[in-house]
Amino acid sequence: MPLIRTWCPTCQRSIDVAPGAMVLLPGSEERTTRVMFACPTCDEGSSFHVDSQLATFLIAGGARVSHHPSLQGAESHGDAPPFTYDDLLAFHELLQRPDWFEELITRG
């Protein structure tokens, strides 16, 4: 199981947290996704902000995404269909190929 090394401001120490123990609160702008977790040492809650790429890796690793009511009405992404588990699986399979980047560029 992958672990994320981060910092607990209460313990003042470096800790390892499993992505499954993290909750992501997505924002509408870059670097506004907040990652929340409880320190495995002192059990105090903590959080930090991440960019969309790191948020995607955390979700793939098992982090949960919370759709808190205060986020309702956030910035729309147009008429694009929702991203499904099948889409995630197809993307994962694409990344296993040696030509994944070229394929991603051509699919646009």
N, C-alpha and C. Protein backbone atom coordinates (compact mmCIF):
# COMPACT_ATOMS: atom_id res chain seq x y z
N MET A 1 0.84 -1.17 0.00
CA MET A 1 0.00 0.00 0.00
C MET A 1 0.90 1.24 0.00
N PRO A 2 0.63 2.19 -0.91
CA PRO A 2 1.45 3.40 -0.93
C PRO A 2 1.13 4.30 0.26
N LEU A 3 2.13 5.00 0.72
CA LEU A 3 1.96 5.96 1.81
C LEU A 3 2.42 7.33 1.34
N ILE A 4 1.78 8.35 1.86
CA ILE A 4 2.13 9.72 1.54
C ILE A 4 2.84 10.31 2.75
N ARG A 5 4.05 10.79 2.54
CA ARG A 5 4.78 11.43 3.63
C ARG A 5 4.37 12.89 3.70
N THR A 6 3.92 13.31 4.88
CA THR A 6 3.51 14.69 5.08
C THR A 6 3.91 15.13 6.48
N TRP A 7 3.45 16.28 6.91
CA TRP A 7 3.86 16.88 8.16
C TRP A 7 2.65 17.10 9.05
N CYS A 8 2.75 16.75 10.32
CA CYS A 8 1.69 17.04 11.28
C CYS A 8 2.07 18.29 12.06
N PRO A 9 1.29 19.36 11.93
CA PRO A 9 1.62 20.59 12.65
C PRO A 9 1.44 20.46 14.16
N THR A 10 0.62 19.52 14.61
CA THR A 10 0.41 19.33 16.05
C THR A 10 1.58 18.58 16.67
N CYS A 11 1.95 17.45 16.06
CA CYS A 11 3.08 16.64 16.56
C CYS A 11 4.43 17.26 16.24
N GLN A 12 4.43 18.11 15.21
CA GLN A 12 5.68 18.68 14.71
C GLN A 12 6.63 17.58 14.25
N ARG A 13 6.06 16.63 13.47
CA ARG A 13 6.89 15.54 12.97
C ARG A 13 6.39 15.08 11.62
N SER A 14 7.28 14.41 10.90
CA SER A 14 6.96 13.83 9.61
C SER A 14 6.16 12.55 9.85
N ILE A 15 5.09 12.37 9.09
CA ILE A 15 4.24 11.19 9.25
C ILE A 15 3.93 10.58 7.89
N ASP A 16 3.54 9.31 7.89
CA ASP A 16 3.11 8.62 6.68
C ASP A 16 1.61 8.35 6.80
N VAL A 17 0.87 8.76 5.75
CA VAL A 17 -0.58 8.60 5.74
C VAL A 17 -0.98 7.85 4.48
N ALA A 18 -1.83 6.85 4.62
CA ALA A 18 -2.33 6.12 3.47
C ALA A 18 -3.33 7.00 2.72
N PRO A 19 -3.32 6.99 1.39
CA PRO A 19 -4.29 7.79 0.64
C PRO A 19 -5.74 7.50 1.03
N GLY A 20 -6.04 6.25 1.40
CA GLY A 20 -7.39 5.90 1.81
C GLY A 20 -7.83 6.58 3.08
N ALA A 21 -6.88 7.12 3.84
CA ALA A 21 -7.21 7.85 5.07
C ALA A 21 -7.35 9.35 4.82
N MET A 22 -7.29 9.74 3.55
CA MET A 22 -7.39 11.16 3.20
C MET A 22 -8.74 11.45 2.53
N VAL A 23 -9.21 12.66 2.74
CA VAL A 23 -10.43 13.13 2.09
C VAL A 23 -10.07 14.39 1.30
N LEU A 24 -10.47 14.43 0.03
CA LEU A 24 -10.20 15.59 -0.81
C LEU A 24 -11.46 16.43 -0.96
N LEU A 25 -11.31 17.73 -0.79
CA LEU A 25 -12.38 18.69 -1.01
C LEU A 25 -11.98 19.53 -2.21
N PRO A 26 -12.49 19.19 -3.41
CA PRO A 26 -12.06 19.91 -4.61
C PRO A 26 -12.57 21.34 -4.63
N GLY A 27 -11.74 22.23 -5.15
CA GLY A 27 -12.12 23.62 -5.34
C GLY A 27 -12.28 23.90 -6.81
N SER A 28 -12.66 25.12 -7.12
CA SER A 28 -12.92 25.47 -8.52
C SER A 28 -11.70 26.03 -9.24
N GLU A 29 -10.62 26.28 -8.53
CA GLU A 29 -9.43 26.83 -9.15
C GLU A 29 -8.22 25.95 -8.84
N GLU A 30 -7.15 26.15 -9.62
CA GLU A 30 -5.90 25.40 -9.42
C GLU A 30 -5.39 25.59 -7.99
N ARG A 31 -4.88 24.54 -7.40
CA ARG A 31 -4.32 24.51 -6.05
C ARG A 31 -5.35 24.86 -4.98
N THR A 32 -6.63 24.60 -5.26
CA THR A 32 -7.64 24.82 -4.23
C THR A 32 -8.24 23.52 -3.73
N THR A 33 -7.71 22.38 -4.17
CA THR A 33 -8.16 21.11 -3.61
C THR A 33 -7.49 20.94 -2.26
N ARG A 34 -8.32 20.82 -1.24
CA ARG A 34 -7.82 20.65 0.12
C ARG A 34 -7.81 19.17 0.47
N VAL A 35 -6.70 18.69 1.01
CA VAL A 35 -6.57 17.31 1.47
C VAL A 35 -6.65 17.33 2.99
N MET A 36 -7.60 16.55 3.52
CA MET A 36 -7.77 16.49 4.97
C MET A 36 -7.47 15.07 5.45
N PHE A 37 -6.85 14.99 6.64
CA PHE A 37 -6.52 13.68 7.21
C PHE A 37 -6.36 13.82 8.70
N ALA A 38 -6.40 12.69 9.40
CA ALA A 38 -6.11 12.66 10.83
C ALA A 38 -4.72 12.08 11.00
N CYS A 39 -3.91 12.73 11.82
CA CYS A 39 -2.55 12.26 12.08
C CYS A 39 -2.63 10.88 12.74
N PRO A 40 -1.90 9.88 12.20
CA PRO A 40 -1.92 8.55 12.80
C PRO A 40 -1.24 8.49 14.17
N THR A 41 -0.48 9.52 14.53
CA THR A 41 0.21 9.54 15.82
C THR A 41 -0.63 10.20 16.91
N CYS A 42 -1.11 11.43 16.63
CA CYS A 42 -1.83 12.17 17.67
C CYS A 42 -3.34 12.24 17.41
N ASP A 43 -3.79 11.79 16.24
CA ASP A 43 -5.20 11.75 15.85
C ASP A 43 -5.83 13.14 15.67
N GLU A 44 -4.99 14.17 15.57
CA GLU A 44 -5.50 15.52 15.30
C GLU A 44 -5.70 15.69 13.81
N GLY A 45 -6.73 16.44 13.44
CA GLY A 45 -7.00 16.71 12.03
C GLY A 45 -6.03 17.73 11.47
N SER A 46 -5.70 17.58 10.20
CA SER A 46 -4.81 18.50 9.53
C SER A 46 -5.21 18.55 8.06
N SER A 47 -4.70 19.55 7.34
CA SER A 47 -5.01 19.65 5.92
C SER A 47 -3.93 20.44 5.20
N PHE A 48 -3.92 20.29 3.87
CA PHE A 48 -3.02 21.06 3.01
C PHE A 48 -3.66 21.13 1.64
N HIS A 49 -3.18 22.03 0.79
CA HIS A 49 -3.69 22.19 -0.57
C HIS A 49 -2.77 21.47 -1.56
N VAL A 50 -3.38 20.93 -2.63
CA VAL A 50 -2.62 20.28 -3.68
C VAL A 50 -3.13 20.75 -5.04
N ASP A 51 -2.31 20.55 -6.06
CA ASP A 51 -2.75 20.88 -7.41
C ASP A 51 -3.55 19.71 -7.97
N SER A 52 -4.12 19.90 -9.15
CA SER A 52 -5.01 18.88 -9.72
C SER A 52 -4.27 17.58 -10.04
N GLN A 53 -3.03 17.66 -10.45
CA GLN A 53 -2.28 16.45 -10.77
C GLN A 53 -2.07 15.59 -9.53
N LEU A 54 -1.66 16.20 -8.43
CA LEU A 54 -1.46 15.44 -7.20
C LEU A 54 -2.80 14.92 -6.68
N ALA A 55 -3.86 15.70 -6.81
CA ALA A 55 -5.19 15.24 -6.40
C ALA A 55 -5.58 13.99 -7.18
N THR A 56 -5.29 13.97 -8.47
CA THR A 56 -5.61 12.81 -9.30
C THR A 56 -4.85 11.58 -8.82
N PHE A 57 -3.57 11.73 -8.49
CA PHE A 57 -2.79 10.59 -8.00
C PHE A 57 -3.32 10.10 -6.64
N LEU A 58 -3.71 11.03 -5.78
CA LEU A 58 -4.25 10.64 -4.47
C LEU A 58 -5.56 9.87 -4.64
N ILE A 59 -6.41 10.33 -5.55
CA ILE A 59 -7.68 9.64 -5.80
C ILE A 59 -7.40 8.24 -6.35
N ALA A 60 -6.46 8.13 -7.29
CA ALA A 60 -6.09 6.83 -7.84
C ALA A 60 -5.54 5.91 -6.76
N GLY A 61 -4.89 6.50 -5.74
CA GLY A 61 -4.33 5.72 -4.64
C GLY A 61 -5.35 5.34 -3.58
N GLY A 62 -6.58 5.88 -3.68
CA GLY A 62 -7.62 5.48 -2.73
C GLY A 62 -8.21 6.60 -1.90
N ALA A 63 -7.75 7.85 -2.09
CA ALA A 63 -8.32 8.96 -1.33
C ALA A 63 -9.78 9.16 -1.73
N ARG A 64 -10.59 9.53 -0.77
CA ARG A 64 -12.00 9.78 -1.04
C ARG A 64 -12.19 11.24 -1.41
N VAL A 65 -13.20 11.50 -2.24
CA VAL A 65 -13.55 12.86 -2.62
C VAL A 65 -14.86 13.20 -1.95
N SER A 66 -14.88 14.33 -1.26
CA SER A 66 -16.10 14.78 -0.60
C SER A 66 -16.74 15.88 -1.43
N HIS A 67 -18.03 15.76 -1.63
CA HIS A 67 -18.77 16.80 -2.34
C HIS A 67 -19.58 17.57 -1.31
N HIS A 68 -18.86 18.34 -0.52
CA HIS A 68 -19.45 19.12 0.56
C HIS A 68 -20.51 20.06 0.01
N PRO A 69 -21.62 20.26 0.71
CA PRO A 69 -22.69 21.13 0.21
C PRO A 69 -22.23 22.54 -0.15
N SER A 70 -21.22 23.05 0.49
CA SER A 70 -20.76 24.41 0.19
C SER A 70 -20.12 24.50 -1.19
N LEU A 71 -19.82 23.34 -1.80
CA LEU A 71 -19.22 23.35 -3.12
C LEU A 71 -20.26 23.31 -4.23
N GLN A 72 -21.54 23.20 -3.88
CA GLN A 72 -22.59 23.19 -4.89
C GLN A 72 -22.56 24.50 -5.65
N GLY A 73 -22.75 24.43 -6.95
CA GLY A 73 -22.72 25.63 -7.78
C GLY A 73 -21.32 26.07 -8.13
N ALA A 74 -20.33 25.22 -7.88
CA ALA A 74 -18.95 25.57 -8.23
C ALA A 74 -18.83 25.65 -9.74
N GLU A 75 -17.72 26.14 -10.18
CA GLU A 75 -17.46 26.35 -11.61
C GLU A 75 -17.84 25.13 -12.45
N SER A 76 -18.60 25.34 -13.49
CA SER A 76 -19.04 24.27 -14.37
C SER A 76 -17.95 23.92 -15.37
N HIS A 77 -17.95 22.68 -15.81
CA HIS A 77 -16.99 22.24 -16.82
C HIS A 77 -17.70 21.99 -18.14
N GLY A 78 -18.72 22.80 -18.42
CA GLY A 78 -19.42 22.71 -19.69
C GLY A 78 -20.33 21.50 -19.76
N ASP A 79 -20.51 21.00 -20.96
CA ASP A 79 -21.42 19.88 -21.19
C ASP A 79 -20.69 18.54 -21.25
N ALA A 80 -19.49 18.49 -20.73
CA ALA A 80 -18.73 17.25 -20.77
C ALA A 80 -19.42 16.20 -19.91
N PRO A 81 -19.41 14.94 -20.36
CA PRO A 81 -20.03 13.88 -19.55
C PRO A 81 -19.20 13.64 -18.29
N PRO A 82 -19.80 13.09 -17.25
CA PRO A 82 -19.04 12.81 -16.03
C PRO A 82 -17.95 11.77 -16.28
N PHE A 83 -16.86 11.88 -15.55
CA PHE A 83 -15.75 10.94 -15.63
C PHE A 83 -16.14 9.70 -14.83
N THR A 84 -16.17 8.54 -15.46
CA THR A 84 -16.65 7.31 -14.82
C THR A 84 -15.48 6.41 -14.42
N TYR A 85 -15.82 5.34 -13.69
CA TYR A 85 -14.81 4.35 -13.33
C TYR A 85 -14.26 3.67 -14.59
N ASP A 86 -15.12 3.47 -15.59
CA ASP A 86 -14.65 2.90 -16.86
C ASP A 86 -13.63 3.82 -17.52
N ASP A 87 -13.87 5.14 -17.46
CA ASP A 87 -12.91 6.10 -18.00
C ASP A 87 -11.58 6.00 -17.25
N LEU A 88 -11.65 5.88 -15.94
CA LEU A 88 -10.43 5.77 -15.13
C LEU A 88 -9.66 4.50 -15.48
N LEU A 89 -10.38 3.40 -15.65
CA LEU A 89 -9.73 2.14 -16.02
C LEU A 89 -9.08 2.25 -17.40
N ALA A 90 -9.78 2.86 -18.35
CA ALA A 90 -9.22 3.03 -19.70
C ALA A 90 -7.97 3.91 -19.65
N PHE A 91 -8.00 4.96 -18.83
CA PHE A 91 -6.83 5.83 -18.70
C PHE A 91 -5.67 5.07 -18.06
N HIS A 92 -5.96 4.27 -17.04
CA HIS A 92 -4.91 3.46 -16.40
C HIS A 92 -4.27 2.50 -17.40
N GLU A 93 -5.12 1.84 -18.21
CA GLU A 93 -4.59 0.92 -19.21
C GLU A 93 -3.75 1.65 -20.26
N LEU A 94 -4.18 2.85 -20.63
CA LEU A 94 -3.41 3.66 -21.57
C LEU A 94 -2.02 3.98 -21.01
N LEU A 95 -1.95 4.31 -19.72
CA LEU A 95 -0.66 4.66 -19.11
C LEU A 95 0.30 3.48 -19.03
N GLN A 96 -0.21 2.26 -19.18
CA GLN A 96 0.66 1.08 -19.15
C GLN A 96 1.39 0.87 -20.46
N ARG A 97 0.93 1.55 -21.52
CA ARG A 97 1.53 1.39 -22.84
C ARG A 97 2.75 2.30 -22.99
N PRO A 98 3.78 1.86 -23.73
CA PRO A 98 4.96 2.69 -23.92
C PRO A 98 4.69 3.95 -24.76
N ASP A 99 3.64 3.92 -25.59
CA ASP A 99 3.33 5.07 -26.43
C ASP A 99 2.17 5.90 -25.86
N TRP A 100 1.97 5.84 -24.54
CA TRP A 100 0.80 6.47 -23.93
C TRP A 100 0.74 7.98 -24.20
N PHE A 101 1.90 8.65 -24.16
CA PHE A 101 1.87 10.10 -24.33
C PHE A 101 1.45 10.49 -25.74
N GLU A 102 1.99 9.81 -26.73
CA GLU A 102 1.63 10.08 -28.12
C GLU A 102 0.14 9.83 -28.32
N GLU A 103 -0.37 8.76 -27.76
CA GLU A 103 -1.79 8.42 -27.89
C GLU A 103 -2.66 9.48 -27.21
N LEU A 104 -2.23 9.94 -26.05
CA LEU A 104 -2.97 10.98 -25.34
C LEU A 104 -3.02 12.27 -26.15
N ILE A 105 -1.92 12.63 -26.78
CA ILE A 105 -1.87 13.86 -27.59
C ILE A 105 -2.78 13.74 -28.81
N THR A 106 -2.76 12.58 -29.46
CA THR A 106 -3.57 12.44 -30.68
C THR A 106 -5.06 12.36 -30.38
N ARG A 107 -5.43 11.85 -29.21
CA ARG A 107 -6.85 11.79 -28.84
C ARG A 107 -7.38 13.19 -28.49
N GLY A 108 -6.47 14.07 -28.02
CA GLY A 108 -6.80 15.45 -27.70
C GLY A 108 -7.86 15.58 -26.74
